[in-house]
Each structure stands twice: as C-alpha cells, then as structure tokens.
C-alpha cells in the first residue's frame, strides 16, 4: 500500500496581488459651467511608462491635450484651471 501526502485543504494556487496605482500629481480643472473637478494623474503599474487619468471618485478621464481632459462616460470637457 502506497502512502499519500496529507492535504491541507488549501488551494495550491498562490494569489498575486497587483500593486496599488502610484499617484503622480493632481490637476485642478473646471467644466464650461465653472464646476470644479480634480483630475488625478497616476501610473497603474510601477516600472511601466503608462499614465492614466481619473476624477477623485474614480471616474475615468481621457487626456486630450495640455489644456483639456474629457470625462469618458459623459463626454464632458474639462479645462485646467489657471
């Protein structure tokens, strides 16, 4: 009779947790009506030259040019505040 190793009941798989996004800086912006927003510029993965943009509540924002952003879900344009 051959013996079998004991099983702990735990999975053999190792859970890998993704690193937290690294915030680089924040931009004060406003829409056409003068409502103020804060756009967070961050890197989702360290060591990868990829930049993402989002509002403080996590809503994705698209970079248009040096002066404009666009809220992806609504198409609303935000300009950087002077």
N, C-alpha and C. Protein backbone atom coordinates (compact mmCIF):
# COMPACT_ATOMS: atom_id res chain seq x y z
N UNK A 1 0.84 -1.17 0.00
CA UNK A 1 0.00 0.00 0.00
C UNK A 1 0.89 1.24 0.00
N UNK A 2 0.56 2.14 -0.91
CA UNK A 2 1.35 3.36 -1.05
C UNK A 2 0.73 4.48 -0.20
N UNK A 3 1.55 5.28 0.48
CA UNK A 3 1.03 6.38 1.29
C UNK A 3 0.85 7.62 0.42
N UNK A 4 -0.10 8.42 0.77
CA UNK A 4 -0.35 9.67 0.04
C UNK A 4 -0.10 10.85 0.98
N UNK A 5 0.39 11.95 0.41
CA UNK A 5 0.64 13.11 1.26
C UNK A 5 -0.68 13.67 1.80
N UNK A 6 -0.60 14.25 2.99
CA UNK A 6 -1.78 14.87 3.58
C UNK A 6 -2.11 16.15 2.83
N UNK A 7 -3.36 16.40 2.70
CA UNK A 7 -3.81 17.63 2.05
C UNK A 7 -4.31 18.61 3.11
N UNK A 8 -3.88 19.82 2.98
CA UNK A 8 -4.26 20.83 3.99
C UNK A 8 -5.64 21.40 3.72
N UNK A 9 -6.16 21.15 2.53
CA UNK A 9 -7.45 21.74 2.18
C UNK A 9 -7.32 23.10 1.52
N UNK A 10 -6.13 23.64 1.54
CA UNK A 10 -5.89 24.93 0.89
C UNK A 10 -5.53 24.71 -0.56
N UNK A 11 -5.82 25.65 -1.36
CA UNK A 11 -5.50 25.56 -2.78
C UNK A 11 -3.99 25.66 -2.98
N UNK A 12 -3.50 24.99 -4.00
CA UNK A 12 -2.08 25.08 -4.34
C UNK A 12 -1.75 26.37 -5.07
N UNK A 13 -2.78 27.09 -5.47
CA UNK A 13 -2.58 28.33 -6.22
C UNK A 13 -2.16 29.45 -5.27
N UNK A 14 -1.31 30.31 -5.76
CA UNK A 14 -0.85 31.45 -4.98
C UNK A 14 -1.54 32.69 -5.52
N UNK A 15 -2.16 33.44 -4.64
CA UNK A 15 -2.83 34.67 -5.04
C UNK A 15 -1.78 35.78 -5.17
N UNK A 16 -1.77 36.40 -6.33
CA UNK A 16 -0.85 37.50 -6.57
C UNK A 16 -1.66 38.78 -6.57
N UNK A 17 -1.27 39.69 -5.73
CA UNK A 17 -1.99 40.94 -5.62
C UNK A 17 -1.29 42.00 -6.47
N UNK A 18 -2.05 42.69 -7.30
CA UNK A 18 -1.49 43.74 -8.15
C UNK A 18 -1.06 44.91 -7.27
N UNK A 19 0.04 45.58 -7.63
CA UNK A 19 0.47 46.73 -6.83
C UNK A 19 -0.53 47.87 -6.95
N UNK A 20 -0.62 48.67 -5.93
CA UNK A 20 -1.53 49.82 -5.94
C UNK A 20 -1.03 50.85 -6.95
N UNK A 21 -1.96 51.53 -7.63
CA UNK A 21 -1.53 52.57 -8.56
C UNK A 21 -0.76 53.67 -7.83
N UNK A 22 0.20 54.25 -8.51
CA UNK A 22 1.04 55.30 -7.92
C UNK A 22 0.58 56.66 -8.42
N UNK A 23 0.05 57.47 -7.50
CA UNK A 23 -0.40 58.81 -7.87
C UNK A 23 0.83 59.67 -8.14
N UNK A 24 0.80 60.38 -9.27
CA UNK A 24 1.91 61.25 -9.63
C UNK A 24 1.63 62.70 -9.22
N UNK A 25 0.44 63.20 -9.59
CA UNK A 25 0.05 64.55 -9.19
C UNK A 25 -1.43 64.75 -9.46
N UNK A 26 -1.96 65.90 -9.08
CA UNK A 26 -3.38 66.24 -9.27
C UNK A 26 -3.48 67.54 -10.04
N UNK A 27 -4.52 67.62 -10.86
CA UNK A 27 -4.77 68.82 -11.66
C UNK A 27 -6.13 69.41 -11.27
N UNK A 28 -6.17 70.70 -10.95
CA UNK A 28 -7.43 71.39 -10.70
C UNK A 28 -8.03 71.75 -12.06
N UNK A 29 -9.28 71.35 -12.30
CA UNK A 29 -9.93 71.60 -13.58
C UNK A 29 -11.35 72.13 -13.35
N UNK A 30 -11.95 72.62 -14.43
CA UNK A 30 -13.34 73.05 -14.35
C UNK A 30 -14.03 72.80 -15.67
N UNK A 31 -15.37 72.65 -15.61
CA UNK A 31 -16.14 72.46 -16.84
C UNK A 31 -16.61 73.81 -17.36
N UNK A 32 -17.43 73.80 -18.42
CA UNK A 32 -17.88 75.05 -19.04
C UNK A 32 -18.75 75.89 -18.10
N UNK A 33 -19.42 75.23 -17.14
CA UNK A 33 -20.29 75.93 -16.20
C UNK A 33 -19.55 76.45 -14.97
N UNK A 34 -18.25 76.18 -14.88
CA UNK A 34 -17.45 76.64 -13.76
C UNK A 34 -17.38 75.66 -12.59
N UNK A 35 -17.98 74.47 -12.74
CA UNK A 35 -17.89 73.45 -11.69
C UNK A 35 -16.47 72.92 -11.63
N UNK A 36 -15.94 72.80 -10.42
CA UNK A 36 -14.55 72.39 -10.25
C UNK A 36 -14.43 70.88 -10.06
N UNK A 37 -13.36 70.32 -10.63
CA UNK A 37 -13.04 68.90 -10.54
C UNK A 37 -11.55 68.76 -10.25
N UNK A 38 -11.18 67.63 -9.70
CA UNK A 38 -9.76 67.31 -9.52
C UNK A 38 -9.46 66.07 -10.33
N UNK A 39 -8.54 66.18 -11.27
CA UNK A 39 -8.10 65.05 -12.08
C UNK A 39 -6.83 64.49 -11.45
N UNK A 40 -6.84 63.20 -11.16
CA UNK A 40 -5.68 62.54 -10.58
C UNK A 40 -4.90 61.86 -11.70
N UNK A 41 -3.63 62.15 -11.78
CA UNK A 41 -2.75 61.55 -12.79
C UNK A 41 -1.94 60.47 -12.07
N UNK A 42 -2.01 59.24 -12.58
CA UNK A 42 -1.34 58.14 -11.88
C UNK A 42 -0.76 57.12 -12.84
N UNK A 43 0.10 56.29 -12.30
CA UNK A 43 0.68 55.16 -13.03
C UNK A 43 0.09 53.89 -12.42
N UNK A 44 -0.68 53.10 -13.20
CA UNK A 44 -1.30 51.91 -12.63
C UNK A 44 -0.31 50.79 -12.30
N UNK A 45 0.83 50.76 -12.98
CA UNK A 45 1.83 49.72 -12.74
C UNK A 45 3.21 50.38 -12.62
N UNK A 46 3.93 50.05 -11.55
CA UNK A 46 5.28 50.60 -11.45
C UNK A 46 6.17 50.03 -12.55
N UNK A 47 7.14 50.73 -12.94
CA UNK A 47 8.12 50.32 -13.95
C UNK A 47 7.55 50.24 -15.37
N UNK A 48 6.29 50.60 -15.57
CA UNK A 48 5.73 50.64 -16.92
C UNK A 48 5.32 52.08 -17.20
N UNK A 49 5.79 52.62 -18.30
CA UNK A 49 5.56 54.02 -18.63
C UNK A 49 4.15 54.19 -19.23
N UNK A 50 3.13 54.01 -18.40
CA UNK A 50 1.74 54.13 -18.79
C UNK A 50 1.07 55.08 -17.81
N UNK A 51 0.43 56.13 -18.31
CA UNK A 51 -0.19 57.12 -17.46
C UNK A 51 -1.70 57.04 -17.63
N UNK A 52 -2.43 57.09 -16.52
CA UNK A 52 -3.89 57.07 -16.53
C UNK A 52 -4.40 58.31 -15.81
N UNK A 53 -5.66 58.64 -16.08
CA UNK A 53 -6.28 59.82 -15.51
C UNK A 53 -7.66 59.44 -14.97
N UNK A 54 -8.03 60.01 -13.82
CA UNK A 54 -9.33 59.74 -13.23
C UNK A 54 -9.72 60.90 -12.33
N UNK A 55 -11.03 61.05 -12.12
CA UNK A 55 -11.50 62.01 -11.14
C UNK A 55 -11.30 61.42 -9.75
N UNK A 56 -11.50 62.23 -8.73
CA UNK A 56 -11.31 61.75 -7.35
C UNK A 56 -12.21 60.58 -7.01
N UNK A 57 -13.39 60.49 -7.64
CA UNK A 57 -14.30 59.39 -7.35
C UNK A 57 -14.00 58.14 -8.18
N UNK A 58 -12.93 58.19 -9.00
CA UNK A 58 -12.53 57.04 -9.80
C UNK A 58 -13.06 57.03 -11.22
N UNK A 59 -13.86 58.00 -11.60
CA UNK A 59 -14.39 58.08 -12.96
C UNK A 59 -13.24 58.29 -13.95
N UNK A 60 -13.13 57.44 -14.97
CA UNK A 60 -12.04 57.58 -15.94
C UNK A 60 -12.12 58.88 -16.73
N UNK A 61 -10.97 59.48 -16.97
CA UNK A 61 -10.85 60.73 -17.71
C UNK A 61 -9.83 60.51 -18.81
N UNK A 62 -10.11 61.09 -19.98
CA UNK A 62 -9.20 60.96 -21.13
C UNK A 62 -8.42 62.26 -21.30
N UNK A 63 -7.12 62.14 -21.50
CA UNK A 63 -6.25 63.29 -21.78
C UNK A 63 -6.46 63.68 -23.23
N UNK A 64 -6.78 64.95 -23.49
CA UNK A 64 -6.95 65.43 -24.86
C UNK A 64 -5.70 66.17 -25.30
N UNK A 65 -5.34 67.22 -24.57
CA UNK A 65 -4.11 67.96 -24.85
C UNK A 65 -3.65 68.62 -23.56
N UNK A 66 -2.66 69.50 -23.65
CA UNK A 66 -2.09 70.11 -22.44
C UNK A 66 -3.09 70.93 -21.63
N UNK A 67 -4.22 71.30 -22.23
CA UNK A 67 -5.20 72.13 -21.53
C UNK A 67 -6.53 71.44 -21.26
N UNK A 68 -6.81 70.31 -21.92
CA UNK A 68 -8.13 69.70 -21.85
C UNK A 68 -8.12 68.23 -21.46
N UNK A 69 -9.16 67.85 -20.71
CA UNK A 69 -9.47 66.46 -20.38
C UNK A 69 -10.92 66.22 -20.76
N UNK A 70 -11.30 64.95 -20.90
CA UNK A 70 -12.68 64.61 -21.19
C UNK A 70 -13.12 63.49 -20.26
N UNK A 71 -14.28 63.67 -19.61
CA UNK A 71 -14.84 62.61 -18.78
C UNK A 71 -15.39 61.56 -19.75
N UNK A 72 -14.84 60.35 -19.69
CA UNK A 72 -15.16 59.32 -20.69
C UNK A 72 -16.63 58.94 -20.72
N UNK A 73 -17.28 58.85 -19.57
CA UNK A 73 -18.66 58.38 -19.53
C UNK A 73 -19.66 59.41 -20.05
N UNK A 74 -19.33 60.69 -19.95
CA UNK A 74 -20.30 61.73 -20.35
C UNK A 74 -19.85 62.54 -21.55
N UNK A 75 -18.57 62.52 -21.87
CA UNK A 75 -18.05 63.34 -22.96
C UNK A 75 -17.85 64.78 -22.57
N UNK A 76 -18.05 65.10 -21.30
CA UNK A 76 -17.89 66.47 -20.81
C UNK A 76 -16.42 66.87 -20.81
N UNK A 77 -16.14 68.06 -21.31
CA UNK A 77 -14.77 68.56 -21.42
C UNK A 77 -14.41 69.36 -20.18
N UNK A 78 -13.22 69.13 -19.66
CA UNK A 78 -12.70 69.87 -18.51
C UNK A 78 -11.43 70.59 -18.93
N UNK A 79 -11.30 71.83 -18.50
CA UNK A 79 -10.07 72.58 -18.80
C UNK A 79 -9.30 72.80 -17.50
N UNK A 80 -7.99 72.88 -17.64
CA UNK A 80 -7.15 73.12 -16.46
C UNK A 80 -7.41 74.54 -15.94
N UNK A 81 -7.43 74.66 -14.63
CA UNK A 81 -7.66 75.98 -14.02
C UNK A 81 -6.34 76.75 -14.02
N UNK A 82 -6.44 78.05 -14.23
CA UNK A 82 -5.21 78.87 -14.21
C UNK A 82 -4.65 79.03 -12.82
